[in-house]
Amino acid sequence: MISRSKVSIFADQLTRLLLEVIRASMEETMIRTFAIGTLVAALTFAGSARLSAQDAVPGDWRVYLFQDGQEVYDVVNRVTWLADANLPAKTLPDFENFRFGLPLCPNPTIEPTEPCVNLSGSMNYTSAVAWVQGMNAANYLGHSDWQMPTAPLKDPDCSGTGPAPYRENFAFGCDTGALGYLYYTGLGLKAPNTAVPIPPNKVGPFRNLQPNIYWSGSPGGGLTCTIANFDFASGAQGGGCGGDFGDVLPMIEGETLGMPIPSGSALYVNPGGQTVYDPETNITWLADANLAKRETFGLPRCKTAPDTTPCVARDGSMNYESAMAWVNAMNAYVDPITNFVGYLGQTNWALPSLDASCPTYGCGGNRNPMGNLYYDQLNFPAGTPVVAVPDIAVGPFHHLLPFPYWSCLADTIQEPCNTAGNEPSANSEWGFSFGTGYLGTERLPADRFVTAYFRGCDLPDQKKCSVTPYQ
């Protein structure tokens, strides 16, 4: 005879299962409707199905920037940029590349001993310096004075100040440096909005997985303020002080529905398609890897960054404080249909843990569940984004990536990089993200992207070289 308690437990499980099926059906309808609407809009405005960044980039960039094929001239700072913001990754059909003598890095999991370029175009700081030197040796586009973008140690518009002895200004609002000027003024972006939105996607059993850092609930090692994170753009494990914006993929230990699952180690999608169970780590994940983009659980949308209260950006990303608040709100959520407490009837959603002692790449297994997804279950090699970043026009630029770009120290945009050993902080240089508008310090061995400019202007239309911007 079945006890009433067992009947009650079975009824709860059945109700949750039915709820997942209903939600999955509604979500599928919404996704199809959104996809059709997006396609129609794209065909109407662009003549193709390419994603548009018009919402992110206002139309006033022509006040400050002029394009002419391969170059973009900044009329305020009097420097000329590469129009291709990821030139190191470019390869022509005849196999001509633009690495300027640098080889491809053999394996991103091993720190290179010589300058090299990853297939994605990213590279460490030493390689970035060598790549610019190679551009100059090749007299690329008729110039031998290309340089990396600069940023000063002191910028009164920045929202953060680092510790002694450097006390560098960093974080949001840093518009005195070259890349920060492009983001905030030249392109008219507003933190924490991304310059390049990622379209809806499917990666294995997951939906909307972002090629971005995802927050963990673990300390990052090193400085007391660091929080470990995992980067689904490269498979790298790192850390930050929590002020920048990352994405959130909540998890629960164990299999939430108590359903019998097939034997083996493959990912298992629960009935209803709302959760994914990983038997290798005994963790249940949300199938929607960017749920926060459509569901904030009562948190407001961020109007600026940094914000004084927890909030969620339009693209679903958020700072660490907001990530913790969002997960707590997720656990306190009351379903309007079933009155169950907790999202999908679960009240123990949490940020995943990460082993901070693991080296940058190759961090999988039980102690690094997000790494286990990336490397072992989804089978991505290190250095590979889980979703390709769309090549959309961002103002006059193309191939712009919503990731950190290397920047060097100098007092002004016009000055060359300071090579006297002075750094924003120990063993670091600047890195600026077009995904959030955040200026941070990046460890020199980290893989970041690179662009360059030269001082002055040589556009064929010389009238554009002397244009005075509107006041």
Protein backbone atom coordinates (compact mmCIF):
# COMPACT_ATOMS: atom_id res chain seq x y z
CA MET A 1 0.00 0.00 0.00
CA ILE A 2 1.35 3.40 -0.97
CA SER A 3 1.56 5.88 1.88
CA ARG A 4 -0.08 9.31 1.62
CA SER A 5 3.36 10.94 1.90
CA LYS A 6 4.63 9.05 -1.12
CA VAL A 7 1.49 9.93 -3.05
CA SER A 8 1.99 13.58 -2.12
CA ILE A 9 5.62 13.51 -3.22
CA PHE A 10 4.65 11.84 -6.50
CA ALA A 11 1.90 14.42 -7.07
CA ASP A 12 4.33 17.29 -6.49
CA GLN A 13 6.82 15.76 -8.92
CA LEU A 14 4.08 15.22 -11.51
CA THR A 15 2.84 18.79 -11.10
CA ARG A 16 6.36 20.17 -11.51
CA LEU A 17 6.85 18.00 -14.58
CA LEU A 18 3.59 19.23 -16.13
CA LEU A 19 4.55 22.80 -15.30
CA GLU A 20 7.87 22.38 -17.10
CA VAL A 21 6.13 20.94 -20.16
CA ILE A 22 3.64 23.85 -20.23
CA ARG A 23 6.41 26.42 -19.81
CA ALA A 24 8.52 24.73 -22.48
CA SER A 25 5.62 24.83 -24.94
CA MET A 26 4.96 28.52 -24.22
CA GLU A 27 8.65 29.37 -24.48
CA GLU A 28 9.00 27.54 -27.80
CA THR A 29 6.09 29.55 -29.21
CA MET A 30 7.67 32.78 -27.98
CA ILE A 31 11.05 31.86 -29.49
CA ARG A 32 9.49 31.08 -32.87
CA THR A 33 7.48 34.31 -32.82
CA PHE A 34 10.60 36.29 -31.86
CA ALA A 35 12.66 34.61 -34.57
CA ILE A 36 10.06 35.38 -37.26
CA GLY A 37 9.75 38.99 -36.08
CA THR A 38 13.52 39.42 -36.03
CA LEU A 39 13.86 38.02 -39.54
CA VAL A 40 11.13 40.27 -40.93
CA ALA A 41 12.63 43.33 -39.25
CA ALA A 42 16.09 42.49 -40.53
CA LEU A 43 14.82 42.00 -44.07
CA THR A 44 12.93 45.27 -43.88
CA PHE A 45 15.74 47.46 -42.57
CA ALA A 46 18.91 45.78 -43.79
CA GLY A 47 17.91 43.69 -46.79
CA SER A 48 19.29 40.58 -45.07
CA ALA A 49 18.88 38.52 -41.92
CA ARG A 50 21.96 39.95 -40.22
CA LEU A 51 21.64 41.13 -36.63
CA SER A 52 21.53 44.89 -36.22
CA ALA A 53 23.36 46.89 -33.56
CA GLN A 54 21.34 50.05 -34.17
CA ASP A 55 19.79 49.83 -30.72
CA ALA A 56 23.25 49.78 -29.19
CA VAL A 57 24.95 52.44 -31.32
CA PRO A 58 23.13 55.76 -31.82
CA GLY A 59 23.50 57.32 -35.26
CA ASP A 60 25.74 60.24 -34.22
CA TRP A 61 29.14 58.54 -34.62
CA ARG A 62 29.72 60.48 -37.87
CA VAL A 63 30.16 63.60 -35.78
CA TYR A 64 33.43 62.19 -34.44
CA LEU A 65 34.54 59.45 -36.84
CA PHE A 66 35.05 59.20 -40.61
CA GLN A 67 35.56 55.92 -42.42
CA ASP A 68 37.36 55.27 -45.65
CA GLY A 69 37.57 51.57 -46.40
CA GLN A 70 40.29 50.19 -44.16
CA GLU A 71 40.71 53.21 -41.86
CA VAL A 72 38.62 55.25 -39.43
CA TYR A 73 39.69 58.80 -38.57
CA ASP A 74 38.90 60.28 -35.15
CA VAL A 75 38.54 64.02 -35.79
CA VAL A 76 38.74 64.92 -32.07
CA ASN A 77 41.89 63.04 -31.06
CA ARG A 78 43.50 63.19 -34.52
CA VAL A 79 44.29 59.49 -34.78
CA THR A 80 43.44 56.95 -37.50
CA TRP A 81 42.16 53.51 -36.45
CA LEU A 82 42.01 50.16 -38.18
CA ALA A 83 38.44 49.68 -39.42
CA ASP A 84 38.82 45.92 -38.90
CA ALA A 85 38.80 45.60 -35.11
CA ASN A 86 40.10 42.03 -35.20
CA LEU A 87 42.66 42.19 -38.00
CA PRO A 88 44.96 39.53 -36.43
CA ALA A 89 42.28 36.88 -37.11
CA LYS A 90 41.77 37.82 -40.75
CA THR A 91 42.80 35.31 -43.41
CA LEU A 92 42.15 35.83 -47.12
CA PRO A 93 41.04 33.03 -49.49
CA ASP A 94 44.62 32.71 -50.78
CA PHE A 95 45.70 32.05 -47.15
CA GLU A 96 47.32 35.45 -46.75
CA ASN A 97 47.11 36.36 -43.07
CA PHE A 98 47.60 39.51 -41.04
CA ARG A 99 49.64 38.14 -38.15
CA PHE A 100 52.66 40.06 -39.51
CA GLY A 101 55.16 37.25 -39.02
CA LEU A 102 53.79 35.86 -35.76
CA PRO A 103 52.87 32.15 -35.81
CA LEU A 104 49.62 30.66 -34.61
CA CYS A 105 49.79 29.65 -30.97
CA PRO A 106 50.10 25.86 -30.85
CA ASN A 107 47.90 25.26 -27.81
CA PRO A 108 46.03 27.84 -25.69
CA THR A 109 46.32 25.57 -22.64
CA ILE A 110 50.10 26.09 -22.59
CA GLU A 111 51.52 29.56 -21.99
CA PRO A 112 53.59 30.35 -25.12
CA THR A 113 57.31 30.97 -24.81
CA GLU A 114 57.39 33.12 -27.97
CA PRO A 115 54.94 35.74 -29.33
CA CYS A 116 52.05 34.14 -31.20
CA VAL A 117 48.41 34.71 -32.18
CA ASN A 118 45.45 32.50 -31.34
CA LEU A 119 43.17 31.46 -34.18
CA SER A 120 40.47 33.74 -32.73
CA GLY A 121 42.83 36.74 -32.96
CA SER A 122 43.47 37.01 -29.22
CA MET A 123 46.97 37.05 -27.76
CA ASN A 124 48.89 37.87 -24.59
CA TYR A 125 50.36 41.31 -24.02
CA THR A 126 53.90 40.42 -25.14
CA SER A 127 52.46 39.09 -28.39
CA ALA A 128 50.31 42.23 -28.81
CA VAL A 129 53.43 44.40 -28.63
CA ALA A 130 55.18 42.16 -31.15
CA TRP A 131 52.16 42.19 -33.49
CA VAL A 132 52.13 46.01 -33.64
CA GLN A 133 55.87 45.99 -34.25
CA GLY A 134 55.26 43.57 -37.12
CA MET A 135 52.66 45.93 -38.59
CA ASN A 136 55.20 48.73 -38.56
CA ALA A 137 57.92 46.55 -40.08
CA ALA A 138 55.49 45.66 -42.89
CA ASN A 139 54.59 49.37 -43.37
CA TYR A 140 50.94 48.29 -43.30
CA LEU A 141 48.69 50.67 -45.27
CA GLY A 142 51.75 52.84 -45.82
CA HIS A 143 52.45 53.50 -42.14
CA SER A 144 55.20 52.45 -39.77
CA ASP A 145 53.92 54.33 -36.72
CA TRP A 146 51.02 52.13 -35.58
CA GLN A 147 50.57 51.81 -31.83
CA MET A 148 48.31 50.16 -29.31
CA PRO A 149 45.53 52.29 -27.80
CA THR A 150 46.50 54.10 -24.61
CA ALA A 151 44.79 54.87 -21.31
CA PRO A 152 46.06 57.08 -18.47
CA LEU A 153 46.65 56.05 -14.87
CA LYS A 154 44.36 58.85 -13.70
CA ASP A 155 40.96 59.51 -15.24
CA PRO A 156 38.51 61.57 -13.15
CA ASP A 157 35.52 60.17 -15.07
CA CYS A 158 36.20 56.59 -13.92
CA SER A 159 33.92 55.13 -11.26
CA GLY A 160 36.64 53.20 -9.39
CA THR A 161 40.05 53.76 -7.81
CA GLY A 162 42.56 50.99 -7.18
CA PRO A 163 44.63 50.38 -4.05
CA ALA A 164 48.06 51.76 -3.25
CA PRO A 165 50.69 52.15 -4.57
CA TYR A 166 49.23 52.81 -8.04
CA ARG A 167 45.74 54.08 -7.12
CA GLU A 168 44.77 53.81 -10.75
CA ASN A 169 41.33 54.89 -11.92
CA PHE A 170 39.32 52.09 -13.51
CA ALA A 171 35.85 50.54 -13.97
CA PHE A 172 33.02 52.39 -15.77
CA GLY A 173 32.95 55.84 -17.34
CA CYS A 174 36.66 55.89 -18.25
CA ASP A 175 36.49 57.96 -21.43
CA THR A 176 39.89 59.67 -21.42
CA GLY A 177 41.68 56.65 -22.88
CA ALA A 178 41.47 55.80 -26.57
CA LEU A 179 39.17 52.76 -26.37
CA GLY A 180 37.00 54.34 -23.69
CA TYR A 181 36.62 57.43 -25.86
CA LEU A 182 35.44 55.26 -28.76
CA TYR A 183 32.89 53.41 -26.62
CA TYR A 184 31.38 56.34 -24.71
CA THR A 185 31.79 59.28 -27.11
CA GLY A 186 32.74 58.14 -30.60
CA LEU A 187 30.17 55.33 -30.76
CA GLY A 188 27.78 56.83 -28.23
CA LEU A 189 27.40 53.67 -26.14
CA LYS A 190 26.28 53.70 -22.53
CA ALA A 191 27.56 51.28 -19.89
CA PRO A 192 26.80 48.46 -19.36
CA ASN A 193 25.31 48.04 -22.86
CA THR A 194 27.19 45.78 -25.24
CA ALA A 195 28.40 47.00 -28.61
CA VAL A 196 27.62 43.61 -30.16
CA PRO A 197 24.48 41.77 -28.98
CA ILE A 198 24.49 37.97 -29.21
CA PRO A 199 21.46 36.54 -31.06
CA PRO A 200 19.34 33.65 -29.69
CA ASN A 201 21.21 30.38 -30.04
CA LYS A 202 21.31 26.70 -29.15
CA VAL A 203 24.47 24.96 -27.91
CA GLY A 204 23.90 21.28 -27.24
CA PRO A 205 20.89 21.13 -24.90
CA PHE A 206 21.35 24.75 -23.77
CA ARG A 207 19.67 27.87 -25.09
CA ASN A 208 21.16 31.35 -25.22
CA LEU A 209 24.60 30.38 -23.92
CA GLN A 210 26.72 33.54 -23.98
CA PRO A 211 30.35 33.77 -25.14
CA ASN A 212 31.13 35.70 -21.97
CA ILE A 213 32.28 35.26 -18.40
CA TYR A 214 29.85 33.53 -16.02
CA TRP A 215 29.93 34.18 -12.29
CA SER A 216 30.71 31.47 -9.75
CA GLY A 217 30.10 31.47 -6.03
CA SER A 218 33.78 30.85 -5.24
CA PRO A 219 36.63 33.19 -4.32
CA GLY A 220 39.07 33.71 -7.16
CA GLY A 221 42.32 33.43 -5.27
CA GLY A 222 44.94 36.14 -4.96
CA LEU A 223 43.41 39.44 -3.89
CA THR A 224 40.74 39.26 -1.20
CA CYS A 225 38.12 40.89 -3.44
CA THR A 226 38.31 38.46 -6.36
CA ILE A 227 35.44 36.21 -7.42
CA ALA A 228 36.21 33.25 -9.69
CA ASN A 229 34.54 33.21 -13.10
CA PHE A 230 34.53 31.02 -16.18
CA ASP A 231 34.74 32.39 -19.72
CA PHE A 232 32.60 30.59 -22.29
CA ALA A 233 34.29 32.69 -24.97
CA SER A 234 37.62 30.92 -24.50
CA GLY A 235 37.39 28.21 -21.82
CA ALA A 236 39.56 30.29 -19.50
CA GLN A 237 39.02 30.40 -15.75
CA GLY A 238 39.79 33.72 -14.10
CA GLY A 239 38.60 36.14 -11.49
CA GLY A 240 37.55 39.69 -10.85
CA CYS A 241 36.45 41.94 -8.03
CA GLY A 242 32.80 41.61 -8.96
CA GLY A 243 32.24 45.09 -10.38
CA ASP A 244 32.29 44.14 -14.05
CA PHE A 245 29.25 42.50 -15.65
CA GLY A 246 29.05 38.74 -16.27
CA ASP A 247 26.27 36.26 -16.98
CA VAL A 248 24.60 33.80 -14.61
CA LEU A 249 23.92 30.07 -15.03
CA PRO A 250 22.33 28.79 -11.79
CA MET A 251 22.59 25.16 -10.71
CA ILE A 252 21.29 22.66 -8.17
CA GLU A 253 23.20 19.70 -6.81
CA GLY A 254 21.57 16.44 -7.83
CA GLU A 255 18.76 15.62 -10.26
CA THR A 256 15.85 17.89 -9.36
CA LEU A 257 12.86 15.85 -10.53
CA GLY A 258 14.02 12.54 -9.08
CA MET A 259 13.40 10.93 -12.45
CA PRO A 260 15.23 7.77 -13.56
CA ILE A 261 17.91 8.80 -16.04
CA PRO A 262 19.68 6.72 -18.68
CA SER A 263 23.01 5.18 -17.76
CA GLY A 264 26.16 6.83 -19.03
CA SER A 265 27.81 10.21 -18.69
CA ALA A 266 26.01 12.23 -21.39
CA LEU A 267 24.00 15.34 -20.56
CA TYR A 268 20.33 14.52 -19.89
CA VAL A 269 17.51 16.95 -20.67
CA ASN A 270 14.70 16.64 -18.13
CA PRO A 271 11.13 16.28 -19.44
CA GLY A 272 9.85 19.72 -20.33
CA GLY A 273 13.28 20.88 -21.49
CA GLN A 274 13.75 23.45 -18.73
CA THR A 275 16.71 21.81 -16.99
CA VAL A 276 19.77 19.79 -17.98
CA TYR A 277 21.39 17.18 -15.72
CA ASP A 278 25.14 16.50 -15.89
CA PRO A 279 25.81 13.02 -14.42
CA GLU A 280 29.57 13.66 -14.42
CA THR A 281 29.24 16.43 -11.83
CA ASN A 282 25.80 15.49 -10.39
CA ILE A 283 24.50 18.96 -11.15
CA THR A 284 21.25 20.18 -12.68
CA TRP A 285 21.54 23.33 -14.79
CA LEU A 286 18.97 25.69 -16.25
CA ALA A 287 18.59 24.94 -19.94
CA ASP A 288 18.21 28.68 -20.62
CA ALA A 289 21.74 29.92 -20.01
CA ASN A 290 20.63 33.55 -20.13
CA LEU A 291 17.30 33.46 -18.31
CA ALA A 292 18.03 36.89 -16.82
CA LYS A 293 17.60 38.54 -20.22
CA ARG A 294 13.83 37.88 -20.06
CA GLU A 295 13.24 37.27 -16.34
CA THR A 296 14.68 39.59 -13.70
CA PHE A 297 12.67 38.19 -10.72
CA GLY A 298 11.83 41.71 -9.63
CA LEU A 299 15.28 43.28 -10.05
CA PRO A 300 15.19 46.49 -12.11
CA ARG A 301 16.94 46.87 -15.44
CA CYS A 302 20.24 48.70 -15.12
CA LYS A 303 20.06 52.28 -16.33
CA THR A 304 23.76 52.90 -15.95
CA ALA A 305 26.89 51.34 -14.49
CA PRO A 306 27.81 51.21 -11.77
CA ASP A 307 24.30 51.29 -10.33
CA THR A 308 23.65 51.89 -6.65
CA THR A 309 21.30 48.91 -6.32
CA PRO A 310 21.30 45.37 -7.75
CA CYS A 311 20.06 45.38 -11.36
CA VAL A 312 20.15 43.37 -14.58
CA ALA A 313 21.43 44.75 -17.89
CA ARG A 314 19.30 44.51 -21.01
CA ASP A 315 21.44 41.66 -22.34
CA GLY A 316 21.02 39.67 -19.08
CA SER A 317 24.46 40.36 -17.61
CA MET A 318 25.02 41.82 -14.14
CA ASN A 319 27.68 42.47 -11.53
CA TYR A 320 28.41 39.94 -8.80
CA GLU A 321 26.28 41.63 -6.13
CA SER A 322 23.34 41.60 -8.53
CA ALA A 323 24.00 37.96 -9.46
CA MET A 324 23.68 36.95 -5.81
CA ALA A 325 20.50 39.03 -5.43
CA TRP A 326 19.04 37.56 -8.62
CA VAL A 327 19.61 33.97 -7.49
CA ASN A 328 18.09 34.76 -4.08
CA ALA A 329 15.05 36.26 -5.81
CA MET A 330 14.87 33.17 -8.01
CA ASN A 331 14.62 30.98 -4.91
CA ALA A 332 11.94 33.22 -3.39
CA TYR A 333 9.87 33.35 -6.59
CA VAL A 334 6.23 32.23 -6.21
CA ASP A 335 4.80 30.61 -9.33
CA PRO A 336 1.48 32.30 -10.22
CA ILE A 337 0.02 29.03 -11.61
CA THR A 338 0.96 26.45 -8.95
CA ASN A 339 1.86 28.74 -6.03
CA PHE A 340 5.04 26.69 -5.65
CA VAL A 341 7.86 28.66 -4.03
CA GLY A 342 11.08 28.81 -6.04
CA TYR A 343 11.63 28.88 -9.78
CA LEU A 344 10.44 25.56 -11.27
CA GLY A 345 9.46 24.64 -7.73
CA GLN A 346 13.07 24.65 -6.49
CA THR A 347 14.42 26.84 -3.69
CA ASN A 348 18.07 25.83 -3.71
CA TRP A 349 19.37 27.40 -6.90
CA ALA A 350 22.95 28.61 -6.46
CA LEU A 351 25.96 29.92 -8.36
CA PRO A 352 28.33 27.08 -9.31
CA SER A 353 31.62 26.58 -7.51
CA LEU A 354 35.05 26.74 -9.15
CA ASP A 355 38.45 25.57 -7.98
CA ALA A 356 40.51 28.77 -7.96
CA SER A 357 43.78 26.80 -7.84
CA CYS A 358 43.20 25.46 -11.35
CA PRO A 359 45.34 27.05 -14.10
CA THR A 360 43.71 29.28 -16.69
CA TYR A 361 42.77 26.67 -19.31
CA GLY A 362 41.69 23.03 -19.16
CA CYS A 363 39.79 23.38 -15.87
CA GLY A 364 37.09 20.69 -15.99
CA GLY A 365 35.95 17.80 -13.84
CA ASN A 366 33.92 17.73 -10.63
CA ARG A 367 35.69 20.72 -9.07
CA ASN A 368 34.97 22.96 -12.07
CA PRO A 369 31.45 22.16 -13.29
CA MET A 370 31.28 24.98 -15.86
CA GLY A 371 34.63 23.84 -17.24
CA ASN A 372 33.25 20.31 -17.34
CA LEU A 373 30.40 21.54 -19.52
CA TYR A 374 32.73 23.45 -21.84
CA TYR A 375 35.50 20.87 -22.27
CA ASP A 376 34.02 17.46 -21.46
CA GLN A 377 30.34 17.63 -22.30
CA LEU A 378 30.12 20.21 -25.10
CA ASN A 379 33.63 19.28 -26.37
CA PHE A 380 34.97 22.76 -27.09
CA PRO A 381 38.75 23.10 -27.46
CA ALA A 382 40.40 25.87 -25.45
CA GLY A 383 40.22 29.28 -27.09
CA THR A 384 36.91 28.60 -28.88
CA PRO A 385 33.80 30.71 -28.17
CA VAL A 386 30.68 28.59 -27.61
CA VAL A 387 28.84 30.91 -30.02
CA ALA A 388 30.39 32.88 -32.87
CA VAL A 389 30.19 36.64 -32.39
CA PRO A 390 28.18 38.14 -35.28
CA ASP A 391 30.12 40.42 -37.60
CA ILE A 392 27.89 43.48 -37.56
CA ALA A 393 28.74 47.08 -38.27
CA VAL A 394 29.36 49.02 -35.07
CA GLY A 395 29.52 52.56 -36.30
CA PRO A 396 32.34 52.52 -38.88
CA PHE A 397 34.00 49.40 -37.44
CA HIS A 398 33.59 45.72 -38.28
CA HIS A 399 34.74 42.55 -36.51
CA LEU A 400 34.44 44.42 -33.21
CA LEU A 401 34.25 41.95 -30.34
CA PRO A 402 32.40 42.41 -27.02
CA PHE A 403 35.49 41.31 -25.08
CA PRO A 404 38.49 43.05 -23.48
CA TYR A 405 41.08 44.68 -25.78
CA TRP A 406 44.64 45.39 -24.75
CA SER A 407 45.49 49.00 -23.97
CA CYS A 408 48.79 50.40 -22.73
CA LEU A 409 49.65 53.13 -20.24
CA ALA A 410 50.15 56.72 -21.43
CA ASP A 411 48.93 60.10 -20.23
CA THR A 412 47.22 61.02 -23.51
CA ILE A 413 45.84 59.27 -26.59
CA GLN A 414 48.47 60.96 -28.75
CA GLU A 415 51.44 59.72 -26.71
CA PRO A 416 53.16 56.38 -27.36
CA CYS A 417 52.93 53.55 -24.86
CA ASN A 418 54.95 53.98 -21.70
CA THR A 419 57.68 51.33 -21.85
CA ALA A 420 59.51 52.36 -18.68
CA GLY A 421 58.02 49.49 -16.69
CA ASN A 422 55.18 51.51 -15.17
CA GLU A 423 51.93 49.56 -15.18
CA PRO A 424 48.35 50.15 -13.99
CA SER A 425 49.07 47.49 -11.35
CA ALA A 426 51.67 44.79 -10.76
CA ASN A 427 52.32 42.54 -13.79
CA SER A 428 49.30 44.03 -15.58
CA GLU A 429 48.23 46.33 -18.38
CA TRP A 430 44.92 47.89 -19.26
CA GLY A 431 42.07 45.96 -20.84
CA PHE A 432 38.89 47.64 -22.11
CA SER A 433 35.68 45.72 -22.85
CA PHE A 434 33.26 46.69 -25.62
CA GLY A 435 30.81 44.28 -24.01
CA THR A 436 30.27 46.50 -20.95
CA GLY A 437 32.35 49.69 -21.21
CA TYR A 438 34.58 48.48 -18.37
CA LEU A 439 38.27 49.43 -18.07
CA GLY A 440 40.16 46.95 -15.94
CA THR A 441 43.65 45.63 -15.37
CA GLU A 442 44.59 42.45 -17.21
CA ARG A 443 47.41 40.10 -16.28
CA LEU A 444 50.09 40.12 -18.97
CA PRO A 445 49.76 36.37 -19.79
CA ALA A 446 45.99 36.72 -20.39
CA ASP A 447 44.65 36.38 -23.93
CA ARG A 448 42.95 39.58 -25.10
CA PHE A 449 42.21 41.19 -28.46
CA VAL A 450 44.21 43.90 -30.22
CA THR A 451 43.59 46.86 -32.49
CA ALA A 452 45.76 49.86 -33.33
CA TYR A 453 45.92 53.43 -34.62
CA PHE A 454 48.48 55.94 -35.84
CA ARG A 455 48.64 59.66 -35.13
CA GLY A 456 47.40 61.92 -37.88
CA CYS A 457 45.25 61.38 -40.95
CA ASP A 458 45.90 60.40 -44.58
CA LEU A 459 42.36 59.89 -45.89
CA PRO A 460 42.12 60.53 -49.65
CA ASP A 461 39.56 63.21 -48.92
CA GLN A 462 41.79 65.60 -47.00
CA LYS A 463 38.85 67.84 -46.17
CA LYS A 464 37.71 65.19 -43.69
CA CYS A 465 41.11 65.36 -41.97
CA SER A 466 40.49 68.94 -40.92
CA VAL A 467 36.85 68.70 -39.93
CA THR A 468 36.03 70.32 -36.61
CA PRO A 469 33.48 68.26 -34.65
CA TYR A 470 30.19 69.81 -33.64
CA GLN A 471 30.20 71.39 -30.21
